[in-house]
């Protein structure tokens, strides 16, 4: 696994952390979290900042902490 450079982390990526449980949420919200790679509370992922990823984040933004 390669470590992205600091420049790449600032401009082309977004870090998301799951801060609320997906239990008792609608199925599409749970599917968005799985698609983002967030399965457990307080898990974090650094994702590419693309329109698809931004759309999935928008659907579940009330469950996430978004950085960068």
PDB file of N, CA and C in Angstrom:
ATOM      1  N   UNK A   1       0.845  -1.179   0.000  1.00  0.00           N
ATOM      2  CA  UNK A   1       0.000   0.000   0.000  1.00  0.00           C
ATOM      3  C   UNK A   1       0.890   1.241   0.000  1.00  0.00           C
ATOM      4  N   UNK A   2       0.611   2.148  -0.878  1.00  0.00           N
ATOM      5  CA  UNK A   2       1.407   3.361  -0.950  1.00  0.00           C
ATOM      6  C   UNK A   2       0.777   4.455  -0.109  1.00  0.00           C
ATOM      7  N   UNK A   3       1.606   5.301   0.420  1.00  0.00           N
ATOM      8  CA  UNK A   3       1.141   6.418   1.233  1.00  0.00           C
ATOM      9  C   UNK A   3       1.030   7.639   0.327  1.00  0.00           C
ATOM     10  N   UNK A   4      -0.169   8.262   0.264  1.00  0.00           N
ATOM     11  CA  UNK A   4      -0.308   9.443  -0.582  1.00  0.00           C
ATOM     12  C   UNK A   4       0.491  10.620  -0.041  1.00  0.00           C
ATOM     13  N   UNK A   5       0.926  11.469  -0.937  1.00  0.00           N
ATOM     14  CA  UNK A   5       1.686  12.648  -0.519  1.00  0.00           C
ATOM     15  C   UNK A   5       0.765  13.653   0.170  1.00  0.00           C
ATOM     16  N   UNK A   6       1.353  14.617   0.865  1.00  0.00           N
ATOM     17  CA  UNK A   6       0.556  15.638   1.555  1.00  0.00           C
ATOM     18  C   UNK A   6      -0.242  16.475   0.566  1.00  0.00           C
ATOM     19  N   UNK A   7       0.341  16.739  -0.599  1.00  0.00           N
ATOM     20  CA  UNK A   7      -0.365  17.524  -1.602  1.00  0.00           C
ATOM     21  C   UNK A   7      -1.609  16.783  -2.076  1.00  0.00           C
ATOM     22  N   UNK A   8      -1.496  15.482  -2.287  1.00  0.00           N
ATOM     23  CA  UNK A   8      -2.638  14.695  -2.736  1.00  0.00           C
ATOM     24  C   UNK A   8      -3.715  14.640  -1.664  1.00  0.00           C
ATOM     25  N   UNK A   9      -3.314  14.577  -0.396  1.00  0.00           N
ATOM     26  CA  UNK A   9      -4.290  14.535   0.676  1.00  0.00           C
ATOM     27  C   UNK A   9      -5.092  15.821   0.762  1.00  0.00           C
ATOM     28  N   UNK A  10      -4.487  16.944   0.456  1.00  0.00           N
ATOM     29  CA  UNK A  10      -5.174  18.220   0.586  1.00  0.00           C
ATOM     30  C   UNK A  10      -6.111  18.500  -0.584  1.00  0.00           C
ATOM     31  N   UNK A  11      -5.687  18.212  -1.805  1.00  0.00           N
ATOM     32  CA  UNK A  11      -6.440  18.692  -2.943  1.00  0.00           C
ATOM     33  C   UNK A  11      -7.388  17.666  -3.550  1.00  0.00           C
ATOM     34  N   UNK A  12      -7.031  16.391  -3.563  1.00  0.00           N
ATOM     35  CA  UNK A  12      -7.795  15.434  -4.332  1.00  0.00           C
ATOM     36  C   UNK A  12      -8.478  14.370  -3.491  1.00  0.00           C
ATOM     37  N   UNK A  13      -8.414  14.474  -2.178  1.00  0.00           N
ATOM     38  CA  UNK A  13      -9.010  13.455  -1.334  1.00  0.00           C
ATOM     39  C   UNK A  13      -9.876  14.096  -0.252  1.00  0.00           C
ATOM     40  N   UNK A  14     -10.705  13.252   0.341  1.00  0.00           N
ATOM     41  CA  UNK A  14     -11.551  13.678   1.446  1.00  0.00           C
ATOM     42  C   UNK A  14     -11.531  12.558   2.482  1.00  0.00           C
ATOM     43  N   UNK A  15     -11.410  12.916   3.760  1.00  0.00           N
ATOM     44  CA  UNK A  15     -11.402  11.934   4.830  1.00  0.00           C
ATOM     45  C   UNK A  15     -12.766  11.937   5.491  1.00  0.00           C
ATOM     46  N   UNK A  16     -13.365  10.745   5.617  1.00  0.00           N
ATOM     47  CA  UNK A  16     -14.672  10.616   6.255  1.00  0.00           C
ATOM     48  C   UNK A  16     -14.558   9.632   7.408  1.00  0.00           C
ATOM     49  N   UNK A  17     -15.261   9.924   8.497  1.00  0.00           N
ATOM     50  CA  UNK A  17     -15.274   9.085   9.688  1.00  0.00           C
ATOM     51  C   UNK A  17     -16.721   8.839  10.076  1.00  0.00           C
ATOM     52  N   UNK A  18     -17.054   7.585  10.333  1.00  0.00           N
ATOM     53  CA  UNK A  18     -18.407   7.227  10.756  1.00  0.00           C
ATOM     54  C   UNK A  18     -18.556   7.542  12.236  1.00  0.00           C
ATOM     55  N   UNK A  19     -19.469   8.455  12.573  1.00  0.00           N
ATOM     56  CA  UNK A  19     -19.622   8.858  13.977  1.00  0.00           C
ATOM     57  C   UNK A  19     -20.977   8.473  14.563  1.00  0.00           C
ATOM     58  N   UNK A  20     -21.924   8.047  13.731  1.00  0.00           N
ATOM     59  CA  UNK A  20     -23.222   7.590  14.227  1.00  0.00           C
ATOM     60  C   UNK A  20     -23.550   6.241  13.604  1.00  0.00           C
ATOM     61  N   UNK A  21     -24.303   5.450  14.320  1.00  0.00           N
ATOM     62  CA  UNK A  21     -24.608   4.093  13.900  1.00  0.00           C
ATOM     63  C   UNK A  21     -25.609   4.063  12.741  1.00  0.00           C
ATOM     64  N   UNK A  22     -25.411   3.140  11.798  1.00  0.00           N
ATOM     65  CA  UNK A  22     -26.379   2.985  10.708  1.00  0.00           C
ATOM     66  C   UNK A  22     -27.566   2.097  11.082  1.00  0.00           C
ATOM     67  N   UNK A  23     -27.624   1.640  12.333  1.00  0.00           N
ATOM     68  CA  UNK A  23     -28.736   0.797  12.770  1.00  0.00           C
ATOM     69  C   UNK A  23     -30.025   1.615  12.726  1.00  0.00           C
ATOM     70  N   UNK A  24     -31.090   1.002  12.247  1.00  0.00           N
ATOM     71  CA  UNK A  24     -32.416   1.615  12.092  1.00  0.00           C
ATOM     72  C   UNK A  24     -32.416   2.766  11.093  1.00  0.00           C
ATOM     73  N   UNK A  25     -31.549   2.695  10.121  1.00  0.00           N
ATOM     74  CA  UNK A  25     -31.545   3.667   9.024  1.00  0.00           C
ATOM     75  C   UNK A  25     -32.116   2.987   7.794  1.00  0.00           C
ATOM     76  N   UNK A  26     -32.451   3.783   6.802  1.00  0.00           N
ATOM     77  CA  UNK A  26     -32.987   3.216   5.570  1.00  0.00           C
ATOM     78  C   UNK A  26     -31.901   2.431   4.845  1.00  0.00           C
ATOM     79  N   UNK A  27     -32.324   1.471   4.035  1.00  0.00           N
ATOM     80  CA  UNK A  27     -31.393   0.556   3.371  1.00  0.00           C
ATOM     81  C   UNK A  27     -30.410   1.289   2.465  1.00  0.00           C
ATOM     82  N   UNK A  28     -30.857   2.342   1.778  1.00  0.00           N
ATOM     83  CA  UNK A  28     -29.945   3.037   0.874  1.00  0.00           C
ATOM     84  C   UNK A  28     -28.828   3.742   1.636  1.00  0.00           C
ATOM     85  N   UNK A  29     -29.094   4.160   2.876  1.00  0.00           N
ATOM     86  CA  UNK A  29     -28.053   4.799   3.671  1.00  0.00           C
ATOM     87  C   UNK A  29     -27.004   3.789   4.114  1.00  0.00           C
ATOM     88  N   UNK A  30     -27.432   2.609   4.521  1.00  0.00           N
ATOM     89  CA  UNK A  30     -26.480   1.562   4.876  1.00  0.00           C
ATOM     90  C   UNK A  30     -25.647   1.155   3.670  1.00  0.00           C
ATOM     91  N   UNK A  31     -26.283   1.096   2.500  1.00  0.00           N
ATOM     92  CA  UNK A  31     -25.567   0.737   1.280  1.00  0.00           C
ATOM     93  C   UNK A  31     -24.529   1.789   0.923  1.00  0.00           C
ATOM     94  N   UNK A  32     -24.838   3.056   1.136  1.00  0.00           N
ATOM     95  CA  UNK A  32     -23.869   4.126   0.878  1.00  0.00           C
ATOM     96  C   UNK A  32     -22.667   3.997   1.801  1.00  0.00           C
ATOM     97  N   UNK A  33     -22.899   3.663   3.062  1.00  0.00           N
ATOM     98  CA  UNK A  33     -21.790   3.501   4.007  1.00  0.00           C
ATOM     99  C   UNK A  33     -20.903   2.328   3.613  1.00  0.00           C
ATOM    100  N   UNK A  34     -21.504   1.227   3.186  1.00  0.00           N
ATOM    101  CA  UNK A  34     -20.712   0.085   2.731  1.00  0.00           C
ATOM    102  C   UNK A  34     -19.932   0.465   1.480  1.00  0.00           C
ATOM    103  N   UNK A  35     -20.545   1.219   0.592  1.00  0.00           N
ATOM    104  CA  UNK A  35     -19.865   1.676  -0.616  1.00  0.00           C
ATOM    105  C   UNK A  35     -18.694   2.592  -0.314  1.00  0.00           C
ATOM    106  N   UNK A  36     -18.806   3.359   0.749  1.00  0.00           N
ATOM    107  CA  UNK A  36     -17.708   4.232   1.164  1.00  0.00           C
ATOM    108  C   UNK A  36     -16.643   3.471   1.948  1.00  0.00           C
ATOM    109  N   UNK A  37     -16.944   2.227   2.327  1.00  0.00           N
ATOM    110  CA  UNK A  37     -15.970   1.417   3.064  1.00  0.00           C
ATOM    111  C   UNK A  37     -16.017   1.635   4.559  1.00  0.00           C
ATOM    112  N   UNK A  38     -17.123   2.153   5.066  1.00  0.00           N
ATOM    113  CA  UNK A  38     -17.271   2.423   6.499  1.00  0.00           C
ATOM    114  C   UNK A  38     -18.207   1.382   7.095  1.00  0.00           C
ATOM    115  N   UNK A  39     -17.673   0.520   7.938  1.00  0.00           N
ATOM    116  CA  UNK A  39     -18.471  -0.565   8.485  1.00  0.00           C
ATOM    117  C   UNK A  39     -18.652  -0.466  10.000  1.00  0.00           C
ATOM    118  N   UNK A  40     -17.665   0.065  10.713  1.00  0.00           N
ATOM    119  CA  UNK A  40     -17.742   0.147  12.169  1.00  0.00           C
ATOM    120  C   UNK A  40     -17.672   1.607  12.604  1.00  0.00           C
ATOM    121  N   UNK A  41     -18.221   1.884  13.775  1.00  0.00           N
ATOM    122  CA  UNK A  41     -18.161   3.235  14.315  1.00  0.00           C
ATOM    123  C   UNK A  41     -16.715   3.680  14.484  1.00  0.00           C
ATOM    124  N   UNK A  42     -16.474   4.935  14.216  1.00  0.00           N
ATOM    125  CA  UNK A  42     -15.165   5.579  14.340  1.00  0.00           C
ATOM    126  C   UNK A  42     -14.138   5.056  13.344  1.00  0.00           C
ATOM    127  N   UNK A  43     -14.607   4.329  12.325  1.00  0.00           N
ATOM    128  CA  UNK A  43     -13.681   3.941  11.257  1.00  0.00           C
ATOM    129  C   UNK A  43     -13.556   5.105  10.286  1.00  0.00           C
ATOM    130  N   UNK A  44     -12.378   5.265   9.714  1.00  0.00           N
ATOM    131  CA  UNK A  44     -12.099   6.381   8.809  1.00  0.00           C
ATOM    132  C   UNK A  44     -11.591   5.849   7.485  1.00  0.00           C
ATOM    133  N   UNK A  45     -11.840   6.611   6.438  1.00  0.00           N
ATOM    134  CA  UNK A  45     -11.318   6.290   5.116  1.00  0.00           C
ATOM    135  C   UNK A  45     -10.913   7.585   4.441  1.00  0.00           C
ATOM    136  N   UNK A  46      -9.849   7.517   3.676  1.00  0.00           N
ATOM    137  CA  UNK A  46      -9.435   8.626   2.824  1.00  0.00           C
ATOM    138  C   UNK A  46      -9.820   8.227   1.415  1.00  0.00           C
ATOM    139  N   UNK A  47     -10.729   8.992   0.819  1.00  0.00           N
ATOM    140  CA  UNK A  47     -11.300   8.648  -0.484  1.00  0.00           C
ATOM    141  C   UNK A  47     -10.973   9.720  -1.510  1.00  0.00           C
ATOM    142  N   UNK A  48     -10.996   9.334  -2.771  1.00  0.00           N
ATOM    143  CA  UNK A  48     -10.817  10.305  -3.848  1.00  0.00           C
ATOM    144  C   UNK A  48     -12.015  11.249  -3.866  1.00  0.00           C
ATOM    145  N   UNK A  49     -11.758  12.489  -4.159  1.00  0.00           N
ATOM    146  CA  UNK A  49     -12.822  13.497  -4.188  1.00  0.00           C
ATOM    147  C   UNK A  49     -13.419  13.535  -5.590  1.00  0.00           C
ATOM    148  N   UNK A  50     -14.384  12.636  -5.836  1.00  0.00           N
ATOM    149  CA  UNK A  50     -15.056  12.553  -7.130  1.00  0.00           C
ATOM    150  C   UNK A  50     -16.537  12.863  -6.945  1.00  0.00           C
ATOM    151  N   UNK A  51     -17.242  13.167  -8.016  1.00  0.00           N
ATOM    152  CA  UNK A  51     -18.681  13.436  -7.887  1.00  0.00           C
ATOM    153  C   UNK A  51     -19.463  12.244  -7.319  1.00  0.00           C
ATOM    154  N   UNK A  52     -19.060  11.028  -7.647  1.00  0.00           N
ATOM    155  CA  UNK A  52     -19.755   9.845  -7.118  1.00  0.00           C
ATOM    156  C   UNK A  52     -19.600   9.747  -5.606  1.00  0.00           C
ATOM    157  N   UNK A  53     -18.393   9.934  -5.134  1.00  0.00           N
ATOM    158  CA  UNK A  53     -18.132   9.868  -3.697  1.00  0.00           C
ATOM    159  C   UNK A  53     -18.842  11.016  -2.988  1.00  0.00           C
ATOM    160  N   UNK A  54     -18.810  12.206  -3.559  1.00  0.00           N
ATOM    161  CA  UNK A  54     -19.503  13.355  -2.947  1.00  0.00           C
ATOM    162  C   UNK A  54     -21.004  13.108  -2.861  1.00  0.00           C
ATOM    163  N   UNK A  55     -21.579  12.443  -3.859  1.00  0.00           N
ATOM    164  CA  UNK A  55     -23.005  12.119  -3.830  1.00  0.00           C
ATOM    165  C   UNK A  55     -23.343  11.152  -2.714  1.00  0.00           C
ATOM    166  N   UNK A  56     -22.498  10.138  -2.521  1.00  0.00           N
ATOM    167  CA  UNK A  56     -22.746   9.180  -1.441  1.00  0.00           C
ATOM    168  C   UNK A  56     -22.572   9.840  -0.083  1.00  0.00           C
ATOM    169  N   UNK A  57     -21.591  10.716   0.046  1.00  0.00           N
ATOM    170  CA  UNK A  57     -21.390  11.443   1.301  1.00  0.00           C
ATOM    171  C   UNK A  57     -22.602  12.326   1.593  1.00  0.00           C
ATOM    172  N   UNK A  58     -23.146  12.961   0.589  1.00  0.00           N
ATOM    173  CA  UNK A  58     -24.316  13.834   0.765  1.00  0.00           C
ATOM    174  C   UNK A  58     -25.516  13.059   1.313  1.00  0.00           C
ATOM    175  N   UNK A  59     -25.681  11.799   0.894  1.00  0.00           N
ATOM    176  CA  UNK A  59     -26.811  10.984   1.357  1.00  0.00           C
ATOM    177  C   UNK A  59     -26.713  10.642   2.837  1.00  0.00           C
ATOM    178  N   UNK A  60     -25.498  10.539   3.366  1.00  0.00           N
ATOM    179  CA  UNK A  60     -25.313  10.105   4.757  1.00  0.00           C
ATOM    180  C   UNK A  60     -24.498  11.097   5.574  1.00  0.00           C
ATOM    181  N   UNK A  61     -24.520  12.357   5.204  1.00  0.00           N
ATOM    182  CA  UNK A  61     -23.680  13.352   5.879  1.00  0.00           C
ATOM    183  C   UNK A  61     -24.028  13.515   7.353  1.00  0.00           C
ATOM    184  N   UNK A  62     -25.250  13.158   7.752  1.00  0.00           N
ATOM    185  CA  UNK A  62     -25.638  13.263   9.152  1.00  0.00           C
ATOM    186  C   UNK A  62     -25.010  12.158  10.009  1.00  0.00           C
ATOM    187  N   UNK A  63     -24.395  11.151   9.379  1.00  0.00           N
ATOM    188  CA  UNK A  63     -23.749  10.067  10.106  1.00  0.00           C
ATOM    189  C   UNK A  63     -22.223  10.190  10.093  1.00  0.00           C
ATOM    190  N   UNK A  64     -21.693  11.165   9.375  1.00  0.00           N
ATOM    191  CA  UNK A  64     -20.261  11.265   9.125  1.00  0.00           C
ATOM    192  C   UNK A  64     -19.642  12.535   9.667  1.00  0.00           C
ATOM    193  N   UNK A  65     -18.337  12.478   9.887  1.00  0.00           N
ATOM    194  CA  UNK A  65     -17.518  13.670  10.081  1.00  0.00           C
ATOM    195  C   UNK A  65     -16.661  13.753   8.832  1.00  0.00           C
ATOM    196  N   UNK A  66     -16.679  14.905   8.158  1.00  0.00           N
ATOM    197  CA  UNK A  66     -15.992  15.089   6.884  1.00  0.00           C
ATOM    198  C   UNK A  66     -14.841  16.062   7.099  1.00  0.00           C
ATOM    199  N   UNK A  67     -13.644  15.644   6.663  1.00  0.00           N
ATOM    200  CA  UNK A  67     -12.453  16.487   6.787  1.00  0.00           C
ATOM    201  C   UNK A  67     -11.806  16.611   5.424  1.00  0.00           C
ATOM    202  N   UNK A  68     -11.415  17.808   5.078  1.00  0.00           N
ATOM    203  CA  UNK A  68     -10.659  18.043   3.851  1.00  0.00           C
ATOM    204  C   UNK A  68     -11.508  17.942   2.676  1.00  0.00           C
TER     205      UNK A  68
END
